[in-house]
């Protein structure tokens, strides 16, 4: 599912498709992602992270799809529902951890992306910038912005830390 999200975010950032102009969103993904995110009709915000349909809609509508998006309001958001109803997701075992997506516009244009290995895998690692952005997004749910930045600095120089409590104290 992360591979699918990344591909749809690339399409969103490059082509800026207007949601109302989208005819269909085709997704093909391997067994693990399809099984993990096969919930077509989540009832709560927490369940959204297990729905390719909702994740696809959020990837095209939101600047990022982080933990802060998995809230009940998104389950009932008319924009999200309208776009998730345009998703046609299929299991393709041969893709393994890869994904193939296509956003088909009402005017006939089609934006396609394929990635054989999802971003973040050993074969396709995250850049330092992407890893830091992902950390900040997750940390914002429980750590102050100031402590997040201090924690990042500590992690960058972890070899010089003689007492791990210097890091642990920032997690509050």
N, C-alpha and C. Protein backbone atom coordinates (compact mmCIF):
# COMPACT_ATOMS: atom_id res chain seq x y z
N UNK A 1 0.81 -1.19 0.00
CA UNK A 1 0.00 0.00 0.00
C UNK A 1 0.85 1.25 0.00
N UNK A 2 2.05 1.19 0.60
CA UNK A 2 2.94 2.36 0.58
C UNK A 2 3.42 2.65 -0.83
N UNK A 3 3.64 1.59 -1.59
CA UNK A 3 4.05 1.77 -2.98
C UNK A 3 2.97 2.47 -3.78
N UNK A 4 1.75 2.07 -3.58
CA UNK A 4 0.61 2.68 -4.27
C UNK A 4 0.49 4.15 -3.88
N UNK A 5 0.57 4.42 -2.58
CA UNK A 5 0.49 5.81 -2.10
C UNK A 5 1.56 6.68 -2.75
N UNK A 6 2.78 6.19 -2.75
CA UNK A 6 3.87 6.96 -3.32
C UNK A 6 3.67 7.27 -4.79
N UNK A 7 3.17 6.31 -5.54
CA UNK A 7 2.93 6.52 -6.97
C UNK A 7 1.83 7.54 -7.20
N UNK A 8 0.76 7.46 -6.42
CA UNK A 8 -0.33 8.42 -6.57
C UNK A 8 0.10 9.82 -6.13
N UNK A 9 0.94 9.90 -5.11
CA UNK A 9 1.47 11.21 -4.69
C UNK A 9 2.34 11.81 -5.79
N UNK A 10 3.11 10.97 -6.49
CA UNK A 10 3.91 11.47 -7.61
C UNK A 10 3.01 12.05 -8.71
N UNK A 11 1.94 11.34 -9.01
CA UNK A 11 0.99 11.83 -10.03
C UNK A 11 0.37 13.14 -9.56
N UNK A 12 -0.05 13.19 -8.31
CA UNK A 12 -0.65 14.41 -7.76
C UNK A 12 0.32 15.59 -7.87
N UNK A 13 1.57 15.38 -7.49
CA UNK A 13 2.55 16.46 -7.47
C UNK A 13 2.99 16.90 -8.86
N UNK A 14 3.01 15.97 -9.80
CA UNK A 14 3.46 16.31 -11.15
C UNK A 14 2.34 16.88 -12.02
N UNK A 15 1.15 16.29 -11.95
CA UNK A 15 0.07 16.65 -12.87
C UNK A 15 -1.06 17.46 -12.23
N UNK A 16 -1.14 17.46 -10.92
CA UNK A 16 -2.19 18.20 -10.20
C UNK A 16 -3.60 17.92 -10.75
N UNK A 17 -3.99 16.65 -10.83
CA UNK A 17 -5.32 16.35 -11.38
C UNK A 17 -6.43 16.87 -10.47
N UNK A 18 -7.39 17.54 -11.08
CA UNK A 18 -8.56 18.02 -10.34
C UNK A 18 -9.43 16.80 -10.03
N UNK A 19 -9.78 16.59 -8.77
CA UNK A 19 -10.58 15.42 -8.40
C UNK A 19 -11.87 15.27 -9.21
N UNK A 20 -12.55 16.37 -9.50
CA UNK A 20 -13.81 16.28 -10.26
C UNK A 20 -13.58 15.89 -11.72
N UNK A 21 -12.34 16.04 -12.21
CA UNK A 21 -12.02 15.68 -13.59
C UNK A 21 -11.50 14.25 -13.73
N UNK A 22 -11.39 13.54 -12.61
CA UNK A 22 -10.90 12.16 -12.64
C UNK A 22 -12.07 11.22 -12.95
N UNK A 23 -11.87 10.39 -13.96
CA UNK A 23 -12.87 9.38 -14.34
C UNK A 23 -12.71 8.11 -13.51
N UNK A 24 -11.44 7.65 -13.41
CA UNK A 24 -11.19 6.37 -12.74
C UNK A 24 -9.75 6.34 -12.24
N UNK A 25 -9.53 5.60 -11.16
CA UNK A 25 -8.20 5.36 -10.61
C UNK A 25 -8.01 3.85 -10.58
N UNK A 26 -7.07 3.38 -11.37
CA UNK A 26 -6.80 1.93 -11.41
C UNK A 26 -5.57 1.64 -10.54
N UNK A 27 -5.70 0.62 -9.72
CA UNK A 27 -4.60 0.20 -8.86
C UNK A 27 -4.40 -1.30 -9.00
N UNK A 28 -3.17 -1.69 -9.21
CA UNK A 28 -2.79 -3.11 -9.18
C UNK A 28 -1.65 -3.21 -8.18
N UNK A 29 -1.78 -4.14 -7.26
CA UNK A 29 -0.75 -4.31 -6.25
C UNK A 29 -0.66 -5.78 -5.85
N UNK A 30 0.44 -6.11 -5.21
CA UNK A 30 0.69 -7.49 -4.82
C UNK A 30 -0.13 -7.94 -3.61
N UNK A 31 0.07 -9.19 -3.28
CA UNK A 31 -0.73 -9.86 -2.25
C UNK A 31 -0.63 -9.19 -0.88
N UNK A 32 0.57 -8.84 -0.45
CA UNK A 32 0.74 -8.29 0.91
C UNK A 32 -0.02 -6.97 1.05
N UNK A 33 0.21 -6.05 0.12
CA UNK A 33 -0.47 -4.75 0.20
C UNK A 33 -1.98 -4.90 0.04
N UNK A 34 -2.39 -5.74 -0.88
CA UNK A 34 -3.82 -5.89 -1.12
C UNK A 34 -4.52 -6.52 0.08
N UNK A 35 -3.85 -7.46 0.70
CA UNK A 35 -4.43 -8.11 1.88
C UNK A 35 -4.44 -7.14 3.06
N UNK A 36 -3.34 -6.43 3.27
CA UNK A 36 -3.25 -5.50 4.40
C UNK A 36 -4.21 -4.33 4.26
N UNK A 37 -4.47 -3.91 3.03
CA UNK A 37 -5.31 -2.73 2.82
C UNK A 37 -6.55 -3.07 1.99
N UNK A 38 -7.12 -4.21 2.26
CA UNK A 38 -8.27 -4.67 1.48
C UNK A 38 -9.62 -4.27 2.02
N UNK A 39 -9.65 -3.39 3.01
CA UNK A 39 -10.92 -2.96 3.60
C UNK A 39 -11.54 -1.87 2.73
N UNK A 40 -12.52 -2.23 1.96
CA UNK A 40 -13.15 -1.28 1.03
C UNK A 40 -14.05 -0.28 1.73
N UNK A 41 -14.56 -0.64 2.90
CA UNK A 41 -15.52 0.23 3.60
C UNK A 41 -15.17 0.40 5.07
N UNK A 42 -14.12 1.15 5.37
CA UNK A 42 -13.77 1.37 6.78
C UNK A 42 -14.87 2.16 7.49
N UNK A 43 -15.03 1.89 8.76
CA UNK A 43 -16.06 2.56 9.56
C UNK A 43 -15.47 3.68 10.43
N UNK A 44 -14.19 3.58 10.73
CA UNK A 44 -13.53 4.57 11.58
C UNK A 44 -12.28 5.10 10.89
N UNK A 45 -11.80 6.23 11.38
CA UNK A 45 -10.59 6.82 10.83
C UNK A 45 -9.39 5.91 10.93
N UNK A 46 -9.29 5.20 12.02
CA UNK A 46 -8.15 4.28 12.19
C UNK A 46 -8.14 3.18 11.13
N UNK A 47 -9.31 2.80 10.65
CA UNK A 47 -9.41 1.75 9.65
C UNK A 47 -9.03 2.22 8.24
N UNK A 48 -8.95 3.54 8.03
CA UNK A 48 -8.59 4.07 6.72
C UNK A 48 -7.24 3.54 6.26
N UNK A 49 -6.31 3.39 7.19
CA UNK A 49 -4.97 2.94 6.79
C UNK A 49 -4.97 1.51 6.26
N UNK A 50 -6.10 0.84 6.35
CA UNK A 50 -6.25 -0.51 5.83
C UNK A 50 -7.18 -0.55 4.62
N UNK A 51 -7.30 0.59 3.94
CA UNK A 51 -8.19 0.67 2.78
C UNK A 51 -7.48 1.33 1.60
N UNK A 52 -7.13 0.53 0.59
CA UNK A 52 -6.51 1.09 -0.62
C UNK A 52 -7.40 2.17 -1.23
N UNK A 53 -8.70 2.01 -1.15
CA UNK A 53 -9.64 2.94 -1.76
C UNK A 53 -9.56 4.32 -1.10
N UNK A 54 -9.61 4.33 0.22
CA UNK A 54 -9.49 5.60 0.94
C UNK A 54 -8.08 6.17 0.84
N UNK A 55 -7.08 5.32 0.95
CA UNK A 55 -5.70 5.80 0.85
C UNK A 55 -5.44 6.44 -0.51
N UNK A 56 -5.97 5.83 -1.56
CA UNK A 56 -5.79 6.40 -2.90
C UNK A 56 -6.43 7.77 -2.99
N UNK A 57 -7.65 7.90 -2.48
CA UNK A 57 -8.34 9.19 -2.50
C UNK A 57 -7.55 10.23 -1.71
N UNK A 58 -7.10 9.87 -0.53
CA UNK A 58 -6.34 10.81 0.29
C UNK A 58 -5.03 11.21 -0.39
N UNK A 59 -4.37 10.26 -1.05
CA UNK A 59 -3.10 10.56 -1.72
C UNK A 59 -3.28 11.62 -2.81
N UNK A 60 -4.43 11.61 -3.44
CA UNK A 60 -4.68 12.58 -4.51
C UNK A 60 -5.26 13.89 -3.99
N UNK A 61 -5.87 13.86 -2.81
CA UNK A 61 -6.52 15.05 -2.26
C UNK A 61 -5.66 15.83 -1.27
N UNK A 62 -4.83 15.15 -0.53
CA UNK A 62 -4.09 15.78 0.57
C UNK A 62 -2.62 15.99 0.22
N UNK A 63 -2.00 16.93 0.91
CA UNK A 63 -0.58 17.19 0.70
C UNK A 63 0.26 15.99 1.10
N UNK A 64 -0.14 15.32 2.17
CA UNK A 64 0.53 14.09 2.59
C UNK A 64 -0.48 13.21 3.29
N UNK A 65 -0.19 11.93 3.30
CA UNK A 65 -1.07 10.98 3.98
C UNK A 65 -0.29 10.44 5.18
N UNK A 66 -0.46 11.15 6.29
CA UNK A 66 0.20 10.75 7.53
C UNK A 66 -0.83 10.31 8.54
N UNK A 67 -0.34 10.01 9.72
CA UNK A 67 -1.21 9.52 10.79
C UNK A 67 -2.32 10.50 11.12
N UNK A 68 -2.08 11.79 10.90
CA UNK A 68 -3.09 12.79 11.22
C UNK A 68 -4.30 12.73 10.29
N UNK A 69 -4.21 11.97 9.21
CA UNK A 69 -5.34 11.84 8.27
C UNK A 69 -6.27 10.69 8.63
N UNK A 70 -5.85 9.83 9.54
CA UNK A 70 -6.65 8.65 9.89
C UNK A 70 -7.62 8.99 11.02
N UNK A 71 -8.56 9.88 10.69
CA UNK A 71 -9.55 10.36 11.65
C UNK A 71 -10.95 10.10 11.09
N UNK A 72 -11.91 10.01 11.99
CA UNK A 72 -13.28 9.69 11.59
C UNK A 72 -13.85 10.67 10.56
N UNK A 73 -13.46 11.93 10.64
CA UNK A 73 -13.98 12.92 9.70
C UNK A 73 -13.67 12.54 8.25
N UNK A 74 -12.53 11.91 8.02
CA UNK A 74 -12.16 11.54 6.64
C UNK A 74 -13.03 10.41 6.10
N UNK A 75 -13.53 9.55 6.99
CA UNK A 75 -14.41 8.46 6.56
C UNK A 75 -15.70 9.02 5.97
N UNK A 76 -16.13 10.17 6.49
CA UNK A 76 -17.40 10.76 6.08
C UNK A 76 -17.23 11.98 5.17
N UNK A 77 -16.02 12.33 4.83
CA UNK A 77 -15.75 13.51 3.99
C UNK A 77 -16.27 13.24 2.58
N UNK A 78 -17.22 14.05 2.09
CA UNK A 78 -17.81 13.81 0.76
C UNK A 78 -16.77 13.81 -0.37
N UNK A 79 -15.74 14.65 -0.28
CA UNK A 79 -14.70 14.68 -1.32
C UNK A 79 -13.94 13.35 -1.37
N UNK A 80 -13.62 12.83 -0.18
CA UNK A 80 -12.89 11.56 -0.10
C UNK A 80 -13.76 10.42 -0.60
N UNK A 81 -15.02 10.39 -0.18
CA UNK A 81 -15.94 9.33 -0.60
C UNK A 81 -16.12 9.34 -2.11
N UNK A 82 -16.33 10.52 -2.68
CA UNK A 82 -16.53 10.64 -4.12
C UNK A 82 -15.33 10.09 -4.89
N UNK A 83 -14.13 10.42 -4.44
CA UNK A 83 -12.93 9.97 -5.14
C UNK A 83 -12.64 8.49 -4.88
N UNK A 84 -12.86 8.02 -3.67
CA UNK A 84 -12.60 6.59 -3.38
C UNK A 84 -13.54 5.69 -4.18
N UNK A 85 -14.72 6.21 -4.53
CA UNK A 85 -15.67 5.43 -5.35
C UNK A 85 -15.20 5.29 -6.80
N UNK A 86 -14.19 6.04 -7.18
CA UNK A 86 -13.64 5.95 -8.54
C UNK A 86 -12.46 4.98 -8.62
N UNK A 87 -12.10 4.39 -7.47
CA UNK A 87 -10.95 3.48 -7.41
C UNK A 87 -11.36 2.07 -7.81
N UNK A 88 -10.56 1.50 -8.71
CA UNK A 88 -10.72 0.12 -9.15
C UNK A 88 -9.41 -0.60 -8.78
N UNK A 89 -9.42 -1.30 -7.64
CA UNK A 89 -8.20 -1.94 -7.13
C UNK A 89 -8.24 -3.44 -7.36
N UNK A 90 -7.10 -3.98 -7.79
CA UNK A 90 -7.01 -5.42 -8.07
C UNK A 90 -5.72 -6.01 -7.52
N UNK A 91 -5.83 -7.24 -7.10
CA UNK A 91 -4.68 -8.02 -6.67
C UNK A 91 -4.01 -8.60 -7.90
N UNK A 92 -2.68 -8.41 -7.99
CA UNK A 92 -1.87 -9.01 -9.05
C UNK A 92 -0.68 -9.64 -8.34
N UNK A 93 -0.78 -10.94 -8.09
CA UNK A 93 0.26 -11.64 -7.32
C UNK A 93 1.66 -11.43 -7.85
N UNK A 94 1.81 -11.37 -9.17
CA UNK A 94 3.15 -11.25 -9.75
C UNK A 94 3.84 -9.93 -9.40
N UNK A 95 3.10 -8.95 -8.90
CA UNK A 95 3.72 -7.67 -8.53
C UNK A 95 4.48 -7.74 -7.22
N UNK A 96 4.24 -8.76 -6.41
CA UNK A 96 4.95 -8.88 -5.14
C UNK A 96 4.72 -7.64 -4.29
N UNK A 97 5.82 -6.90 -4.03
CA UNK A 97 5.71 -5.66 -3.25
C UNK A 97 5.61 -4.44 -4.16
N UNK A 98 5.48 -4.65 -5.43
CA UNK A 98 5.37 -3.54 -6.39
C UNK A 98 3.94 -3.06 -6.52
N UNK A 99 3.80 -2.02 -7.34
CA UNK A 99 2.47 -1.46 -7.58
C UNK A 99 2.43 -0.79 -8.94
N UNK A 100 1.25 -0.77 -9.51
CA UNK A 100 0.99 -0.09 -10.78
C UNK A 100 -0.27 0.73 -10.59
N UNK A 101 -0.21 2.02 -10.93
CA UNK A 101 -1.40 2.88 -10.80
C UNK A 101 -1.61 3.65 -12.09
N UNK A 102 -2.85 4.02 -12.30
CA UNK A 102 -3.23 4.81 -13.46
C UNK A 102 -4.38 5.71 -13.05
N UNK A 103 -4.24 7.01 -13.32
CA UNK A 103 -5.31 7.96 -13.07
C UNK A 103 -5.83 8.39 -14.44
N UNK A 104 -7.06 8.04 -14.71
CA UNK A 104 -7.67 8.32 -16.02
C UNK A 104 -8.60 9.52 -15.87
N UNK A 105 -8.34 10.52 -16.67
CA UNK A 105 -9.11 11.76 -16.60
C UNK A 105 -10.32 11.68 -17.54
N UNK A 106 -11.32 12.49 -17.28
CA UNK A 106 -12.53 12.51 -18.11
C UNK A 106 -12.24 12.94 -19.54
N UNK A 107 -11.16 13.72 -19.74
CA UNK A 107 -10.81 14.16 -21.10
C UNK A 107 -9.96 13.13 -21.85
N UNK A 108 -9.74 11.96 -21.25
CA UNK A 108 -9.00 10.90 -21.91
C UNK A 108 -7.53 10.81 -21.52
N UNK A 109 -6.98 11.86 -20.90
CA UNK A 109 -5.59 11.79 -20.46
C UNK A 109 -5.45 10.70 -19.41
N UNK A 110 -4.27 10.10 -19.38
CA UNK A 110 -4.01 9.03 -18.42
C UNK A 110 -2.61 9.21 -17.85
N UNK A 111 -2.53 9.23 -16.54
CA UNK A 111 -1.25 9.36 -15.85
C UNK A 111 -0.93 8.01 -15.21
N UNK A 112 0.20 7.44 -15.63
CA UNK A 112 0.56 6.10 -15.16
C UNK A 112 1.88 6.12 -14.39
N UNK A 113 1.97 5.22 -13.44
CA UNK A 113 3.21 5.02 -12.70
C UNK A 113 3.31 3.53 -12.34
N UNK A 114 4.56 3.06 -12.32
CA UNK A 114 4.83 1.68 -11.92
C UNK A 114 6.11 1.67 -11.10
N UNK A 115 6.12 0.87 -10.07
CA UNK A 115 7.34 0.69 -9.27
C UNK A 115 7.41 -0.77 -8.86
N UNK A 116 8.47 -1.47 -9.26
CA UNK A 116 8.57 -2.89 -8.92
C UNK A 116 8.84 -3.15 -7.44
N UNK A 117 9.47 -2.19 -6.77
CA UNK A 117 9.75 -2.32 -5.33
C UNK A 117 9.29 -1.04 -4.66
N UNK A 118 8.55 -1.17 -3.57
CA UNK A 118 8.01 0.01 -2.92
C UNK A 118 9.11 0.89 -2.35
N UNK A 119 8.83 2.18 -2.29
CA UNK A 119 9.76 3.13 -1.70
C UNK A 119 9.95 2.78 -0.24
N UNK A 120 11.21 2.78 0.18
CA UNK A 120 11.53 2.42 1.56
C UNK A 120 12.06 1.00 1.70
N UNK A 121 11.98 0.23 0.63
CA UNK A 121 12.53 -1.13 0.65
C UNK A 121 14.04 -1.03 0.43
N UNK A 122 14.78 -2.08 0.76
CA UNK A 122 16.24 -2.05 0.52
C UNK A 122 16.59 -1.78 -0.95
N UNK A 123 15.75 -2.22 -1.86
CA UNK A 123 16.02 -2.00 -3.28
C UNK A 123 15.65 -0.58 -3.74
N UNK A 124 14.89 0.12 -2.92
CA UNK A 124 14.44 1.48 -3.26
C UNK A 124 14.34 2.30 -1.97
N UNK A 125 15.50 2.58 -1.34
CA UNK A 125 15.48 3.22 -0.02
C UNK A 125 14.99 4.67 -0.04
N UNK A 126 14.49 5.10 1.11
CA UNK A 126 14.11 6.50 1.29
C UNK A 126 15.36 7.36 1.35
N UNK A 127 15.26 8.57 0.82
CA UNK A 127 16.35 9.52 0.96
C UNK A 127 16.35 10.03 2.41
N UNK A 128 17.41 10.67 2.82
CA UNK A 128 17.47 11.24 4.16
C UNK A 128 16.33 12.25 4.34
N UNK A 129 16.10 13.06 3.34
CA UNK A 129 15.01 14.05 3.40
C UNK A 129 13.65 13.37 3.59
N UNK A 130 13.39 12.31 2.83
CA UNK A 130 12.12 11.59 2.94
C UNK A 130 11.96 10.93 4.30
N UNK A 131 13.05 10.37 4.81
CA UNK A 131 13.01 9.71 6.11
C UNK A 131 12.73 10.71 7.23
N UNK A 132 13.36 11.88 7.16
CA UNK A 132 13.13 12.92 8.17
C UNK A 132 11.69 13.42 8.09
N UNK A 133 11.18 13.62 6.88
CA UNK A 133 9.79 14.08 6.72
C UNK A 133 8.82 13.05 7.30
N UNK A 134 9.10 11.78 7.07
CA UNK A 134 8.24 10.71 7.59
C UNK A 134 8.29 10.69 9.12
N UNK A 135 9.47 10.87 9.67
CA UNK A 135 9.62 10.91 11.12
C UNK A 135 8.86 12.09 11.72
N UNK A 136 9.03 13.28 11.13
CA UNK A 136 8.33 14.46 11.64
C UNK A 136 6.82 14.26 11.61
N UNK A 137 6.33 13.67 10.53
CA UNK A 137 4.89 13.44 10.41
C UNK A 137 4.38 12.52 11.51
N UNK A 138 5.11 11.47 11.78
CA UNK A 138 4.68 10.53 12.82
C UNK A 138 4.86 11.13 14.22
N UNK A 139 5.95 11.86 14.42
CA UNK A 139 6.25 12.42 15.74
C UNK A 139 5.24 13.48 16.17
N UNK A 140 4.69 14.21 15.21
CA UNK A 140 3.78 15.32 15.56
C UNK A 140 2.56 14.86 16.36
N UNK A 141 2.28 13.59 16.31
CA UNK A 141 1.11 13.08 17.03
C UNK A 141 1.35 13.02 18.55
N UNK A 142 2.64 12.95 18.97
CA UNK A 142 2.90 12.76 20.39
C UNK A 142 4.02 13.62 20.96
N UNK A 143 4.83 14.23 20.12
CA UNK A 143 5.99 14.98 20.59
C UNK A 143 5.88 16.42 20.10
N UNK A 144 6.30 17.36 20.92
CA UNK A 144 6.26 18.75 20.50
C UNK A 144 7.21 18.95 19.31
N UNK A 145 6.94 19.98 18.54
CA UNK A 145 7.79 20.28 17.38
C UNK A 145 9.23 20.56 17.84
N UNK A 146 9.37 21.28 18.95
CA UNK A 146 10.70 21.59 19.47
C UNK A 146 11.45 20.31 19.84
N UNK A 147 10.78 19.40 20.54
CA UNK A 147 11.44 18.14 20.92
C UNK A 147 11.72 17.26 19.69
N UNK A 148 10.85 17.32 18.70
CA UNK A 148 11.09 16.56 17.47
C UNK A 148 12.40 17.01 16.82
N UNK A 149 12.58 18.32 16.72
CA UNK A 149 13.81 18.85 16.10
C UNK A 149 15.04 18.53 16.95
N UNK A 150 14.90 18.64 18.27
CA UNK A 150 16.03 18.31 19.16
C UNK A 150 16.35 16.81 19.04
N UNK A 151 15.32 15.99 18.97
CA UNK A 151 15.51 14.55 18.83
C UNK A 151 16.22 14.20 17.53
N UNK A 152 15.82 14.86 16.44
CA UNK A 152 16.50 14.64 15.15
C UNK A 152 17.98 14.98 15.25
N UNK A 153 18.31 16.07 15.91
CA UNK A 153 19.72 16.45 16.07
C UNK A 153 20.47 15.40 16.89
N UNK A 154 19.85 14.90 17.94
CA UNK A 154 20.48 13.85 18.77
C UNK A 154 20.71 12.58 17.94
N UNK A 155 19.72 12.22 17.14
CA UNK A 155 19.83 11.00 16.34
C UNK A 155 20.96 11.13 15.31
N UNK A 156 21.11 12.32 14.74
CA UNK A 156 22.17 12.55 13.75
C UNK A 156 23.55 12.36 14.36
N UNK A 157 23.66 12.56 15.66
CA UNK A 157 24.97 12.41 16.31
C UNK A 157 24.91 11.34 17.40
N UNK A 158 24.18 10.30 17.15
CA UNK A 158 23.93 9.25 18.15
C UNK A 158 25.23 8.62 18.67
N UNK A 159 26.26 8.60 17.82
CA UNK A 159 27.52 8.00 18.24
C UNK A 159 28.17 8.75 19.40
N UNK A 160 27.90 10.04 19.53
CA UNK A 160 28.50 10.84 20.59
C UNK A 160 27.70 10.82 21.90
N UNK A 161 26.55 10.18 21.89
CA UNK A 161 25.70 10.17 23.09
C UNK A 161 26.16 9.04 24.01
N UNK A 162 26.50 9.43 25.24
CA UNK A 162 26.97 8.43 26.20
C UNK A 162 25.85 7.94 27.11
N UNK A 163 24.75 8.69 27.16
CA UNK A 163 23.64 8.34 28.04
C UNK A 163 22.34 8.42 27.23
N UNK A 164 21.70 7.30 27.02
CA UNK A 164 20.51 7.22 26.17
C UNK A 164 19.35 8.05 26.73
N UNK A 165 19.38 8.40 28.01
CA UNK A 165 18.31 9.22 28.55
C UNK A 165 18.27 10.59 27.89
N UNK A 166 19.38 11.03 27.29
CA UNK A 166 19.39 12.30 26.54
C UNK A 166 18.41 12.23 25.37
N UNK A 167 18.25 11.04 24.83
CA UNK A 167 17.30 10.83 23.73
C UNK A 167 15.91 10.54 24.31
N UNK A 168 15.84 9.66 25.25
CA UNK A 168 14.56 9.22 25.80
C UNK A 168 13.77 10.37 26.43
N UNK A 169 14.45 11.30 27.07
CA UNK A 169 13.77 12.43 27.70
C UNK A 169 13.03 13.30 26.69
N UNK A 170 13.44 13.28 25.45
CA UNK A 170 12.80 14.09 24.41
C UNK A 170 11.53 13.44 23.86
N UNK A 171 11.25 12.23 24.25
CA UNK A 171 10.09 11.51 23.74
C UNK A 171 8.81 11.82 24.52
N UNK A 172 8.87 12.75 25.41
CA UNK A 172 7.69 13.10 26.21
C UNK A 172 7.08 14.38 25.73
